Amino acid sequence: MHTLMSTELTAKDHYKLLSGSVVPRPIAFVTTLCSEDQQVVNAAPFSFFTIVSSNPPILAISVSRRDGEMKDTARNALKHKELVVHLTDEQNLEDINATAASLPPFESELNLTKFHVKPSEIVKVPGILEAKIRFECTLHEHIPIRDDQGVVANDLILARVVCYHISEAVYELETGYIKTDQLNPVARLAGHDYAQIQKPFELKRPT
């Protein structure tokens, strides 16, 4: 057993250990409207992503800064207080991965994909037609995460779901449950590695 003291590790060390240990992680594919030109749809994937509450329905997405600069997704979400979160599956992974490219704010990452935009019901931000599940969201809270020098290193976005869009193929209407085997979600591991759900199993909790 190796024991590593946090204070003796670099930021890169922490990233390698955490991203390789906390797996698999779902991948949020987020669309926002450019903070300056609302005709431009910015899009990007994030694997530091989870649910934090079902009542109210809140998702959490951590957006790391690059050289201290806020990324388009965080900047746009703070400016307009709206975003659309899509789930990543086997069919859309390659196009979603393409949107990880670093582009200027006025250039849409969707131009690198075959995706089609779909107007939302409540928010102004459009969604992606090809996604099996997408959540229209409003900004619930923004929490800046500071490093030991007091510099903001990450923007934690808490997003409240205001509308669900779920493909009939993955939604069990009678029970209200999601059919995971039809969703075929893809999860992030470390480095360039991803994971599929190969063999689900059931384990009942004690009463």
N, C-alpha and C. Protein backbone atom coordinates (compact mmCIF):
# COMPACT_ATOMS: atom_id res chain seq x y z
N MET A 1 0.84 -1.19 0.00
CA MET A 1 0.00 0.00 0.00
C MET A 1 0.88 1.25 0.00
N HIS A 2 0.70 2.11 -1.00
CA HIS A 2 1.46 3.36 -1.07
C HIS A 2 0.67 4.45 -0.36
N THR A 3 1.34 5.19 0.49
CA THR A 3 0.72 6.32 1.18
C THR A 3 1.33 7.60 0.64
N LEU A 4 0.50 8.46 0.07
CA LEU A 4 0.97 9.70 -0.55
C LEU A 4 0.36 10.89 0.18
N MET A 5 1.20 11.80 0.62
CA MET A 5 0.73 12.99 1.30
C MET A 5 0.30 14.05 0.29
N SER A 6 -0.90 14.57 0.45
CA SER A 6 -1.46 15.52 -0.50
C SER A 6 -0.55 16.73 -0.70
N THR A 7 0.07 17.19 0.39
CA THR A 7 0.90 18.40 0.31
C THR A 7 2.18 18.19 -0.49
N GLU A 8 2.54 16.93 -0.74
CA GLU A 8 3.76 16.62 -1.48
C GLU A 8 3.50 16.35 -2.96
N LEU A 9 2.25 16.49 -3.39
CA LEU A 9 1.88 16.18 -4.77
C LEU A 9 1.62 17.45 -5.57
N THR A 10 1.87 17.36 -6.87
CA THR A 10 1.57 18.47 -7.77
C THR A 10 0.11 18.39 -8.21
N ALA A 11 -0.36 19.46 -8.85
CA ALA A 11 -1.73 19.46 -9.36
C ALA A 11 -1.91 18.34 -10.39
N LYS A 12 -0.89 18.08 -11.19
CA LYS A 12 -0.97 17.00 -12.17
C LYS A 12 -1.05 15.64 -11.49
N ASP A 13 -0.31 15.49 -10.38
CA ASP A 13 -0.37 14.24 -9.62
C ASP A 13 -1.78 14.01 -9.10
N HIS A 14 -2.38 15.05 -8.54
CA HIS A 14 -3.75 14.94 -8.02
C HIS A 14 -4.71 14.53 -9.13
N TYR A 15 -4.54 15.17 -10.30
CA TYR A 15 -5.45 14.87 -11.41
C TYR A 15 -5.34 13.40 -11.81
N LYS A 16 -4.11 12.90 -11.94
CA LYS A 16 -3.92 11.52 -12.36
C LYS A 16 -4.50 10.54 -11.35
N LEU A 17 -4.29 10.81 -10.07
CA LEU A 17 -4.79 9.91 -9.04
C LEU A 17 -6.31 9.93 -8.94
N LEU A 18 -6.90 11.13 -8.97
CA LEU A 18 -8.35 11.24 -8.82
C LEU A 18 -9.10 10.77 -10.06
N SER A 19 -8.64 11.20 -11.24
CA SER A 19 -9.35 10.82 -12.46
C SER A 19 -9.20 9.34 -12.76
N GLY A 20 -8.13 8.74 -12.27
CA GLY A 20 -7.95 7.30 -12.45
C GLY A 20 -8.61 6.46 -11.39
N SER A 21 -8.94 7.06 -10.26
CA SER A 21 -9.56 6.32 -9.15
C SER A 21 -11.08 6.46 -9.13
N VAL A 22 -11.56 7.68 -9.33
CA VAL A 22 -13.00 7.93 -9.28
C VAL A 22 -13.57 7.64 -10.66
N VAL A 23 -13.81 6.35 -10.91
CA VAL A 23 -14.27 5.88 -12.23
C VAL A 23 -15.35 4.81 -12.03
N PRO A 24 -16.20 4.62 -13.03
CA PRO A 24 -16.34 5.44 -14.24
C PRO A 24 -17.14 6.72 -13.93
N ARG A 25 -16.92 7.76 -14.74
CA ARG A 25 -17.63 9.02 -14.56
C ARG A 25 -18.50 9.31 -15.77
N PRO A 26 -19.77 9.65 -15.57
CA PRO A 26 -20.60 10.02 -16.73
C PRO A 26 -20.05 11.30 -17.36
N ILE A 27 -20.38 11.49 -18.62
CA ILE A 27 -19.87 12.64 -19.37
C ILE A 27 -21.03 13.57 -19.71
N ALA A 28 -20.97 14.78 -19.21
CA ALA A 28 -21.97 15.79 -19.54
C ALA A 28 -21.54 16.52 -20.80
N PHE A 29 -22.41 16.54 -21.78
CA PHE A 29 -22.17 17.33 -22.99
C PHE A 29 -23.04 18.57 -22.88
N VAL A 30 -22.40 19.72 -22.76
CA VAL A 30 -23.11 20.95 -22.39
C VAL A 30 -23.12 21.95 -23.54
N THR A 31 -24.32 22.46 -23.84
CA THR A 31 -24.43 23.56 -24.80
C THR A 31 -24.83 24.83 -24.05
N THR A 32 -24.24 25.94 -24.50
CA THR A 32 -24.55 27.27 -23.96
C THR A 32 -24.55 28.25 -25.12
N LEU A 33 -25.08 29.43 -24.88
CA LEU A 33 -25.03 30.49 -25.88
C LEU A 33 -23.85 31.40 -25.58
N CYS A 34 -23.09 31.72 -26.60
CA CYS A 34 -21.93 32.59 -26.46
C CYS A 34 -22.30 33.85 -25.70
N SER A 35 -21.48 34.23 -24.75
CA SER A 35 -21.80 35.35 -23.87
C SER A 35 -21.89 36.67 -24.62
N GLU A 36 -21.21 36.79 -25.76
CA GLU A 36 -21.22 38.04 -26.52
C GLU A 36 -22.17 37.98 -27.72
N ASP A 37 -22.19 36.86 -28.41
CA ASP A 37 -23.04 36.70 -29.59
C ASP A 37 -23.94 35.50 -29.37
N GLN A 38 -25.19 35.76 -29.04
CA GLN A 38 -26.10 34.67 -28.67
C GLN A 38 -26.57 33.85 -29.87
N GLN A 39 -26.04 34.13 -31.06
CA GLN A 39 -26.33 33.29 -32.22
C GLN A 39 -25.37 32.09 -32.28
N VAL A 40 -24.29 32.17 -31.52
CA VAL A 40 -23.28 31.11 -31.53
C VAL A 40 -23.54 30.16 -30.38
N VAL A 41 -23.62 28.86 -30.70
CA VAL A 41 -23.81 27.83 -29.68
C VAL A 41 -22.46 27.20 -29.36
N ASN A 42 -22.00 27.39 -28.13
CA ASN A 42 -20.78 26.72 -27.67
C ASN A 42 -21.15 25.35 -27.11
N ALA A 43 -20.26 24.38 -27.29
CA ALA A 43 -20.53 23.02 -26.82
C ALA A 43 -19.24 22.38 -26.34
N ALA A 44 -19.33 21.62 -25.25
CA ALA A 44 -18.13 20.98 -24.70
C ALA A 44 -18.50 19.84 -23.76
N PRO A 45 -17.64 18.81 -23.66
CA PRO A 45 -17.88 17.69 -22.74
C PRO A 45 -17.14 17.89 -21.41
N PHE A 46 -17.75 17.38 -20.33
CA PHE A 46 -17.15 17.46 -18.99
C PHE A 46 -17.43 16.17 -18.23
N SER A 47 -16.36 15.56 -17.69
CA SER A 47 -16.56 14.31 -16.95
C SER A 47 -16.51 14.50 -15.43
N PHE A 48 -16.24 15.73 -14.98
CA PHE A 48 -16.40 16.01 -13.55
C PHE A 48 -17.84 16.44 -13.38
N PHE A 49 -18.74 15.44 -13.33
CA PHE A 49 -20.18 15.66 -13.49
C PHE A 49 -20.96 14.64 -12.68
N THR A 50 -22.00 15.11 -11.97
CA THR A 50 -22.83 14.19 -11.19
C THR A 50 -24.15 14.84 -10.80
N ILE A 51 -25.01 14.06 -10.12
CA ILE A 51 -26.23 14.58 -9.50
C ILE A 51 -25.89 14.98 -8.07
N VAL A 52 -26.43 16.09 -7.59
CA VAL A 52 -26.23 16.44 -6.19
C VAL A 52 -27.54 16.47 -5.42
N SER A 53 -28.67 16.51 -6.15
CA SER A 53 -29.97 16.56 -5.48
C SER A 53 -31.07 16.20 -6.47
N SER A 54 -32.09 15.47 -5.97
CA SER A 54 -33.26 15.20 -6.80
C SER A 54 -34.43 16.08 -6.38
N ASN A 55 -34.34 16.69 -5.21
CA ASN A 55 -35.39 17.60 -4.73
C ASN A 55 -34.74 18.77 -4.01
N PRO A 56 -34.45 19.87 -4.74
CA PRO A 56 -34.75 20.10 -6.16
C PRO A 56 -33.79 19.35 -7.08
N PRO A 57 -34.14 19.20 -8.36
CA PRO A 57 -33.28 18.45 -9.29
C PRO A 57 -32.06 19.28 -9.70
N ILE A 58 -30.91 18.94 -9.12
CA ILE A 58 -29.69 19.72 -9.34
C ILE A 58 -28.56 18.83 -9.86
N LEU A 59 -27.92 19.27 -10.93
CA LEU A 59 -26.73 18.62 -11.46
C LEU A 59 -25.51 19.47 -11.14
N ALA A 60 -24.35 18.83 -11.02
CA ALA A 60 -23.11 19.56 -10.76
C ALA A 60 -22.11 19.28 -11.88
N ILE A 61 -21.53 20.35 -12.40
CA ILE A 61 -20.50 20.24 -13.44
C ILE A 61 -19.34 21.13 -13.04
N SER A 62 -18.15 20.54 -12.94
CA SER A 62 -16.97 21.31 -12.61
C SER A 62 -16.20 21.61 -13.89
N VAL A 63 -15.99 22.91 -14.13
CA VAL A 63 -15.31 23.36 -15.34
C VAL A 63 -13.95 23.94 -14.94
N SER A 64 -12.89 23.25 -15.31
CA SER A 64 -11.56 23.73 -14.94
C SER A 64 -11.19 24.95 -15.76
N ARG A 65 -10.41 25.85 -15.17
CA ARG A 65 -9.95 27.03 -15.90
C ARG A 65 -8.64 26.71 -16.62
N ARG A 66 -8.38 27.43 -17.68
CA ARG A 66 -7.14 27.26 -18.45
C ARG A 66 -6.28 28.50 -18.27
N ASP A 67 -5.16 28.34 -17.58
CA ASP A 67 -4.26 29.47 -17.29
C ASP A 67 -5.02 30.59 -16.57
N GLY A 68 -5.91 30.19 -15.69
CA GLY A 68 -6.67 31.16 -14.90
C GLY A 68 -7.87 31.75 -15.60
N GLU A 69 -8.06 31.42 -16.89
CA GLU A 69 -9.16 31.99 -17.66
C GLU A 69 -10.38 31.06 -17.64
N MET A 70 -11.53 31.64 -17.43
CA MET A 70 -12.78 30.89 -17.42
C MET A 70 -13.08 30.36 -18.82
N LYS A 71 -13.51 29.11 -18.92
CA LYS A 71 -13.85 28.53 -20.21
C LYS A 71 -15.22 29.04 -20.68
N ASP A 72 -15.46 28.87 -21.98
CA ASP A 72 -16.69 29.40 -22.58
C ASP A 72 -17.94 28.91 -21.85
N THR A 73 -17.99 27.62 -21.53
CA THR A 73 -19.19 27.05 -20.91
C THR A 73 -19.52 27.74 -19.60
N ALA A 74 -18.52 27.91 -18.74
CA ALA A 74 -18.76 28.55 -17.45
C ALA A 74 -19.11 30.03 -17.64
N ARG A 75 -18.38 30.71 -18.51
CA ARG A 75 -18.64 32.13 -18.75
C ARG A 75 -20.06 32.34 -19.29
N ASN A 76 -20.46 31.52 -20.23
CA ASN A 76 -21.79 31.65 -20.82
C ASN A 76 -22.89 31.34 -19.82
N ALA A 77 -22.68 30.29 -19.02
CA ALA A 77 -23.68 29.91 -18.03
C ALA A 77 -23.87 31.00 -16.98
N LEU A 78 -22.77 31.64 -16.59
CA LEU A 78 -22.87 32.73 -15.61
C LEU A 78 -23.53 33.97 -16.21
N LYS A 79 -23.25 34.21 -17.48
CA LYS A 79 -23.79 35.40 -18.14
C LYS A 79 -25.30 35.28 -18.36
N HIS A 80 -25.73 34.15 -18.93
CA HIS A 80 -27.13 34.00 -19.32
C HIS A 80 -27.95 33.15 -18.36
N LYS A 81 -27.24 32.44 -17.45
CA LYS A 81 -27.89 31.62 -16.43
C LYS A 81 -28.72 30.48 -17.02
N GLU A 82 -28.27 29.97 -18.16
CA GLU A 82 -28.95 28.85 -18.81
C GLU A 82 -27.94 27.92 -19.48
N LEU A 83 -28.28 26.65 -19.56
CA LEU A 83 -27.46 25.66 -20.24
C LEU A 83 -28.31 24.42 -20.52
N VAL A 84 -27.86 23.60 -21.45
CA VAL A 84 -28.52 22.32 -21.71
C VAL A 84 -27.46 21.23 -21.54
N VAL A 85 -27.81 20.23 -20.72
CA VAL A 85 -26.89 19.13 -20.42
C VAL A 85 -27.39 17.86 -21.11
N HIS A 86 -26.53 17.24 -21.90
CA HIS A 86 -26.87 16.02 -22.63
C HIS A 86 -26.04 14.86 -22.08
N LEU A 87 -26.60 13.66 -22.13
CA LEU A 87 -25.84 12.49 -21.72
C LEU A 87 -25.11 11.90 -22.92
N THR A 88 -23.94 11.36 -22.65
CA THR A 88 -23.09 10.81 -23.70
C THR A 88 -23.30 9.31 -23.81
N ASP A 89 -23.51 8.83 -25.03
CA ASP A 89 -23.70 7.40 -25.25
C ASP A 89 -22.78 6.92 -26.37
N GLU A 90 -22.84 5.63 -26.67
CA GLU A 90 -21.93 5.04 -27.65
C GLU A 90 -22.09 5.67 -29.04
N GLN A 91 -23.30 6.06 -29.39
CA GLN A 91 -23.55 6.57 -30.73
C GLN A 91 -23.05 8.00 -30.93
N ASN A 92 -23.05 8.79 -29.87
CA ASN A 92 -22.67 10.19 -30.06
C ASN A 92 -21.29 10.54 -29.50
N LEU A 93 -20.55 9.56 -28.97
CA LEU A 93 -19.28 9.83 -28.30
C LEU A 93 -18.26 10.50 -29.22
N GLU A 94 -18.10 10.01 -30.45
CA GLU A 94 -17.06 10.56 -31.32
C GLU A 94 -17.31 12.02 -31.65
N ASP A 95 -18.56 12.37 -31.93
CA ASP A 95 -18.87 13.77 -32.22
C ASP A 95 -18.69 14.63 -30.97
N ILE A 96 -19.08 14.10 -29.83
CA ILE A 96 -18.91 14.85 -28.58
C ILE A 96 -17.43 15.05 -28.30
N ASN A 97 -16.63 14.04 -28.53
CA ASN A 97 -15.19 14.16 -28.30
C ASN A 97 -14.58 15.24 -29.19
N ALA A 98 -15.11 15.40 -30.39
CA ALA A 98 -14.59 16.41 -31.31
C ALA A 98 -14.78 17.82 -30.76
N THR A 99 -15.81 18.02 -29.93
CA THR A 99 -16.09 19.36 -29.40
C THR A 99 -15.15 19.76 -28.27
N ALA A 100 -14.27 18.84 -27.88
CA ALA A 100 -13.27 19.18 -26.85
C ALA A 100 -12.16 20.06 -27.41
N ALA A 101 -12.18 20.30 -28.71
CA ALA A 101 -11.17 21.15 -29.33
C ALA A 101 -11.25 22.57 -28.79
N SER A 102 -10.11 23.23 -28.69
CA SER A 102 -10.06 24.62 -28.21
C SER A 102 -10.32 25.58 -29.37
N LEU A 103 -11.47 26.23 -29.33
CA LEU A 103 -11.84 27.17 -30.37
C LEU A 103 -12.14 28.53 -29.76
N PRO A 104 -12.07 29.60 -30.54
CA PRO A 104 -12.44 30.92 -30.04
C PRO A 104 -13.93 30.94 -29.64
N PRO A 105 -14.31 31.82 -28.72
CA PRO A 105 -15.70 31.88 -28.24
C PRO A 105 -16.72 32.10 -29.34
N PHE A 106 -16.35 32.80 -30.41
CA PHE A 106 -17.30 33.12 -31.47
C PHE A 106 -17.39 32.02 -32.53
N GLU A 107 -16.72 30.90 -32.30
CA GLU A 107 -16.78 29.78 -33.24
C GLU A 107 -17.42 28.59 -32.54
N SER A 108 -18.46 28.04 -33.13
CA SER A 108 -19.18 26.93 -32.51
C SER A 108 -18.47 25.61 -32.73
N GLU A 109 -18.28 24.87 -31.66
CA GLU A 109 -17.68 23.54 -31.73
C GLU A 109 -18.58 22.57 -32.49
N LEU A 110 -19.86 22.89 -32.59
CA LEU A 110 -20.79 22.00 -33.30
C LEU A 110 -20.47 21.91 -34.79
N ASN A 111 -19.71 22.89 -35.30
CA ASN A 111 -19.30 22.84 -36.70
C ASN A 111 -18.35 21.68 -36.97
N LEU A 112 -17.79 21.11 -35.91
CA LEU A 112 -16.88 19.97 -36.05
C LEU A 112 -17.62 18.64 -36.00
N THR A 113 -18.94 18.70 -35.89
CA THR A 113 -19.74 17.49 -35.70
C THR A 113 -20.83 17.38 -36.76
N LYS A 114 -21.58 16.26 -36.67
CA LYS A 114 -22.75 16.05 -37.53
C LYS A 114 -24.04 16.34 -36.76
N PHE A 115 -23.92 16.92 -35.58
CA PHE A 115 -25.09 17.19 -34.75
C PHE A 115 -26.01 18.25 -35.36
N HIS A 116 -27.28 18.15 -34.97
CA HIS A 116 -28.29 19.15 -35.34
C HIS A 116 -28.86 19.76 -34.07
N VAL A 117 -29.05 21.08 -34.08
CA VAL A 117 -29.60 21.74 -32.89
C VAL A 117 -31.11 21.66 -32.90
N LYS A 118 -31.67 21.68 -31.70
CA LYS A 118 -33.11 21.59 -31.49
C LYS A 118 -33.52 22.68 -30.50
N PRO A 119 -34.50 23.53 -30.85
CA PRO A 119 -34.94 24.56 -29.91
C PRO A 119 -35.44 23.95 -28.61
N SER A 120 -35.15 24.61 -27.51
CA SER A 120 -35.60 24.14 -26.20
C SER A 120 -37.01 24.65 -25.90
N GLU A 121 -37.62 24.07 -24.88
CA GLU A 121 -38.97 24.45 -24.49
C GLU A 121 -38.99 25.67 -23.57
N ILE A 122 -38.01 25.74 -22.66
CA ILE A 122 -38.02 26.78 -21.63
C ILE A 122 -36.84 27.73 -21.77
N VAL A 123 -35.62 27.18 -21.88
CA VAL A 123 -34.44 28.04 -21.96
C VAL A 123 -34.18 28.44 -23.40
N LYS A 124 -33.37 29.47 -23.58
CA LYS A 124 -33.03 29.95 -24.93
C LYS A 124 -31.95 29.10 -25.58
N VAL A 125 -31.18 28.40 -24.77
CA VAL A 125 -30.09 27.57 -25.31
C VAL A 125 -30.68 26.36 -26.05
N PRO A 126 -30.29 26.13 -27.29
CA PRO A 126 -30.79 24.95 -27.99
C PRO A 126 -30.11 23.67 -27.51
N GLY A 127 -30.79 22.56 -27.73
CA GLY A 127 -30.23 21.26 -27.40
C GLY A 127 -29.76 20.55 -28.66
N ILE A 128 -29.29 19.33 -28.48
CA ILE A 128 -28.80 18.52 -29.58
C ILE A 128 -29.81 17.42 -29.87
N LEU A 129 -30.29 17.39 -31.10
CA LEU A 129 -31.34 16.46 -31.50
C LEU A 129 -30.94 15.01 -31.31
N GLU A 130 -29.67 14.69 -31.57
CA GLU A 130 -29.23 13.29 -31.55
C GLU A 130 -29.08 12.71 -30.14
N ALA A 131 -29.07 13.53 -29.11
CA ALA A 131 -28.90 13.02 -27.74
C ALA A 131 -30.17 12.30 -27.29
N LYS A 132 -30.00 11.13 -26.69
CA LYS A 132 -31.16 10.37 -26.20
C LYS A 132 -31.79 11.01 -24.97
N ILE A 133 -30.96 11.71 -24.18
CA ILE A 133 -31.46 12.41 -23.00
C ILE A 133 -30.80 13.78 -22.93
N ARG A 134 -31.61 14.79 -22.71
CA ARG A 134 -31.05 16.13 -22.48
C ARG A 134 -31.89 16.83 -21.42
N PHE A 135 -31.21 17.66 -20.66
CA PHE A 135 -31.83 18.41 -19.57
C PHE A 135 -31.70 19.90 -19.84
N GLU A 136 -32.82 20.58 -19.95
CA GLU A 136 -32.78 22.04 -19.98
C GLU A 136 -32.55 22.51 -18.54
N CYS A 137 -31.59 23.41 -18.35
CA CYS A 137 -31.22 23.82 -17.00
C CYS A 137 -31.10 25.33 -16.86
N THR A 138 -31.34 25.79 -15.65
CA THR A 138 -31.02 27.17 -15.28
C THR A 138 -29.92 27.13 -14.23
N LEU A 139 -29.17 28.19 -14.15
CA LEU A 139 -28.08 28.25 -13.16
C LEU A 139 -28.66 28.36 -11.76
N HIS A 140 -28.34 27.39 -10.93
CA HIS A 140 -28.79 27.40 -9.53
C HIS A 140 -27.78 28.13 -8.66
N GLU A 141 -26.51 27.81 -8.89
CA GLU A 141 -25.45 28.45 -8.10
C GLU A 141 -24.11 28.26 -8.79
N HIS A 142 -23.24 29.24 -8.63
CA HIS A 142 -21.87 29.15 -9.12
C HIS A 142 -20.94 29.21 -7.93
N ILE A 143 -20.07 28.20 -7.82
CA ILE A 143 -19.13 28.15 -6.70
C ILE A 143 -17.70 28.13 -7.24
N PRO A 144 -16.94 29.21 -7.07
CA PRO A 144 -15.54 29.19 -7.52
C PRO A 144 -14.69 28.33 -6.58
N ILE A 145 -13.87 27.48 -7.15
CA ILE A 145 -12.97 26.61 -6.37
C ILE A 145 -11.56 27.18 -6.46
N ARG A 146 -10.99 27.58 -5.33
CA ARG A 146 -9.68 28.21 -5.32
C ARG A 146 -8.58 27.23 -4.93
N ASP A 147 -7.39 27.44 -5.49
CA ASP A 147 -6.25 26.62 -5.13
C ASP A 147 -5.59 27.17 -3.86
N ASP A 148 -4.47 26.59 -3.47
CA ASP A 148 -3.82 27.00 -2.23
C ASP A 148 -3.29 28.42 -2.26
N GLN A 149 -3.14 28.98 -3.45
CA GLN A 149 -2.68 30.36 -3.58
C GLN A 149 -3.85 31.34 -3.67
N GLY A 150 -5.06 30.81 -3.56
CA GLY A 150 -6.24 31.67 -3.60
C GLY A 150 -6.72 32.00 -4.99
N VAL A 151 -6.14 31.36 -5.99
CA VAL A 151 -6.53 31.60 -7.38
C VAL A 151 -7.64 30.63 -7.78
N VAL A 152 -8.67 31.13 -8.45
CA VAL A 152 -9.76 30.26 -8.88
C VAL A 152 -9.25 29.30 -9.95
N ALA A 153 -9.38 28.00 -9.68
CA ALA A 153 -8.89 26.97 -10.60
C ALA A 153 -10.03 26.24 -11.30
N ASN A 154 -11.20 26.25 -10.67
CA ASN A 154 -12.36 25.56 -11.24
C ASN A 154 -13.63 26.36 -10.95
N ASP A 155 -14.57 26.26 -11.88
CA ASP A 155 -15.88 26.85 -11.68
C ASP A 155 -16.90 25.72 -11.52
N LEU A 156 -17.45 25.59 -10.32
CA LEU A 156 -18.45 24.56 -10.07
C LEU A 156 -19.82 25.13 -10.39
N ILE A 157 -20.46 24.54 -11.39
CA ILE A 157 -21.77 24.98 -11.84
C ILE A 157 -22.83 24.04 -11.28
N LEU A 158 -23.74 24.57 -10.47
CA LEU A 158 -24.90 23.81 -10.03
C LEU A 158 -26.07 24.22 -10.91
N ALA A 159 -26.60 23.26 -11.65
CA ALA A 159 -27.62 23.55 -12.65
C ALA A 159 -28.93 22.87 -12.27
N ARG A 160 -30.00 23.64 -12.25
CA ARG A 160 -31.32 23.10 -11.91
C ARG A 160 -32.05 22.66 -13.18
N VAL A 161 -32.50 21.42 -13.21
CA VAL A 161 -33.23 20.89 -14.36
C VAL A 161 -34.64 21.46 -14.37
N VAL A 162 -35.01 22.10 -15.48
CA VAL A 162 -36.35 22.68 -15.60
C VAL A 162 -37.18 21.96 -16.66
N CYS A 163 -36.53 21.11 -17.47
CA CYS A 163 -37.27 20.34 -18.47
C CYS A 163 -36.43 19.14 -18.90
N TYR A 164 -37.08 17.98 -18.99
CA TYR A 164 -36.42 16.75 -19.42
C TYR A 164 -36.86 16.40 -20.84
N HIS A 165 -35.91 15.98 -21.67
CA HIS A 165 -36.23 15.45 -22.99
C HIS A 165 -35.62 14.05 -23.06
N ILE A 166 -36.47 13.03 -23.19
CA ILE A 166 -36.02 11.65 -23.12
C ILE A 166 -36.58 10.87 -24.31
N SER A 167 -35.71 10.23 -25.04
CA SER A 167 -36.13 9.43 -26.19
C SER A 167 -37.05 8.30 -25.74
N GLU A 168 -38.06 8.02 -26.56
CA GLU A 168 -38.98 6.92 -26.25
C GLU A 168 -38.23 5.59 -26.16
N ALA A 169 -37.12 5.48 -26.86
CA ALA A 169 -36.35 4.23 -26.88
C ALA A 169 -35.72 3.91 -25.52
N VAL A 170 -35.49 4.94 -24.69
CA VAL A 170 -34.81 4.70 -23.41
C VAL A 170 -35.71 4.97 -22.20
N TYR A 171 -36.99 5.28 -22.44
CA TYR A 171 -37.88 5.66 -21.34
C TYR A 171 -38.99 4.63 -21.17
N GLU A 172 -39.12 4.09 -19.95
CA GLU A 172 -40.19 3.15 -19.62
C GLU A 172 -41.37 3.96 -19.11
N LEU A 173 -42.35 4.17 -19.97
CA LEU A 173 -43.45 5.07 -19.66
C LEU A 173 -44.25 4.64 -18.43
N GLU A 174 -44.48 3.35 -18.29
CA GLU A 174 -45.32 2.86 -17.20
C GLU A 174 -44.67 3.04 -15.83
N THR A 175 -43.36 2.84 -15.76
CA THR A 175 -42.67 2.91 -14.48
C THR A 175 -41.94 4.23 -14.26
N GLY A 176 -41.65 4.95 -15.35
CA GLY A 176 -40.91 6.20 -15.23
C GLY A 176 -39.40 6.01 -15.15
N TYR A 177 -38.93 4.78 -15.35
CA TYR A 177 -37.50 4.51 -15.25
C TYR A 177 -36.82 4.62 -16.62
N ILE A 178 -35.51 4.87 -16.57
CA ILE A 178 -34.68 4.90 -17.77
C ILE A 178 -34.16 3.49 -18.07
N LYS A 179 -34.23 3.09 -19.32
CA LYS A 179 -33.73 1.77 -19.73
C LYS A 179 -32.25 1.91 -20.10
N THR A 180 -31.41 1.58 -19.13
CA THR A 180 -29.96 1.77 -19.31
C THR A 180 -29.41 0.97 -20.48
N ASP A 181 -29.96 -0.22 -20.70
CA ASP A 181 -29.45 -1.05 -21.78
C ASP A 181 -29.72 -0.45 -23.15
N GLN A 182 -30.74 0.41 -23.24
CA GLN A 182 -31.04 1.09 -24.50
C GLN A 182 -30.30 2.42 -24.61
N LEU A 183 -30.00 3.01 -23.46
CA LEU A 183 -29.26 4.27 -23.46
C LEU A 183 -27.81 4.07 -23.90
N ASN A 184 -27.22 2.93 -23.48
CA ASN A 184 -25.82 2.64 -23.80
C ASN A 184 -24.88 3.78 -23.42
N PRO A 185 -24.90 4.21 -22.15
CA PRO A 185 -24.06 5.34 -21.76
C PRO A 185 -22.58 4.99 -21.82
N VAL A 186 -21.78 6.02 -22.06
CA VAL A 186 -20.32 5.87 -22.07
C VAL A 186 -19.77 6.69 -20.92
N ALA A 187 -18.79 6.13 -20.22
CA ALA A 187 -18.20 6.81 -19.07
C ALA A 187 -16.73 7.08 -19.30
N ARG A 188 -16.22 8.06 -18.60
CA ARG A 188 -14.81 8.47 -18.71
C ARG A 188 -13.99 7.72 -17.68
N LEU A 189 -12.81 7.28 -18.11
CA LEU A 189 -11.83 6.72 -17.20
C LEU A 189 -10.68 7.72 -17.12
N ALA A 190 -9.45 7.26 -17.17
CA ALA A 190 -8.30 8.17 -17.14
C ALA A 190 -7.67 8.23 -18.53
N GLY A 191 -6.88 9.28 -18.76
CA GLY A 191 -6.19 9.40 -20.04
C GLY A 191 -7.16 9.47 -21.20
N HIS A 192 -6.96 8.61 -22.20
CA HIS A 192 -7.83 8.55 -23.36
C HIS A 192 -8.81 7.39 -23.28
N ASP A 193 -8.99 6.83 -22.10
CA ASP A 193 -9.80 5.62 -21.94
C ASP A 193 -11.24 5.94 -21.56
N TYR A 194 -12.14 5.11 -22.10
CA TYR A 194 -13.57 5.20 -21.81
C TYR A 194 -14.09 3.83 -21.43
N ALA A 195 -15.30 3.79 -20.89
CA ALA A 195 -15.88 2.52 -20.47
C ALA A 195 -17.33 2.43 -20.92
N GLN A 196 -17.76 1.19 -21.21
CA GLN A 196 -19.15 0.90 -21.50
C GLN A 196 -19.71 0.06 -20.37
N ILE A 197 -21.04 0.07 -20.25
CA ILE A 197 -21.68 -0.80 -19.26
C ILE A 197 -21.88 -2.16 -19.91
N GLN A 198 -21.09 -3.13 -19.50
CA GLN A 198 -21.12 -4.44 -20.14
C GLN A 198 -22.06 -5.44 -19.47
N LYS A 199 -22.06 -5.46 -18.13
CA LYS A 199 -22.83 -6.49 -17.44
C LYS A 199 -23.42 -5.93 -16.15
N PRO A 200 -24.58 -5.28 -16.23
CA PRO A 200 -25.22 -4.77 -15.00
C PRO A 200 -25.64 -5.92 -14.10
N PHE A 201 -25.68 -5.67 -12.81
CA PHE A 201 -26.18 -6.68 -11.87
C PHE A 201 -27.01 -5.99 -10.79
N GLU A 202 -27.83 -6.77 -10.12
CA GLU A 202 -28.74 -6.22 -9.12
C GLU A 202 -28.30 -6.64 -7.73
N LEU A 203 -28.38 -5.72 -6.79
CA LEU A 203 -28.09 -5.99 -5.38
C LEU A 203 -29.03 -5.14 -4.54
N LYS A 204 -29.96 -5.79 -3.89
CA LYS A 204 -30.97 -5.05 -3.13
C LYS A 204 -30.38 -4.52 -1.83
N ARG A 205 -30.80 -3.32 -1.45
CA ARG A 205 -30.36 -2.72 -0.20
C ARG A 205 -31.13 -3.31 0.97
N PRO A 206 -30.48 -3.34 2.15
CA PRO A 206 -31.21 -3.83 3.33
C PRO A 206 -32.34 -2.89 3.71
N THR A 207 -33.40 -3.44 4.26
CA THR A 207 -34.55 -2.62 4.66
C THR A 207 -34.44 -2.23 6.14
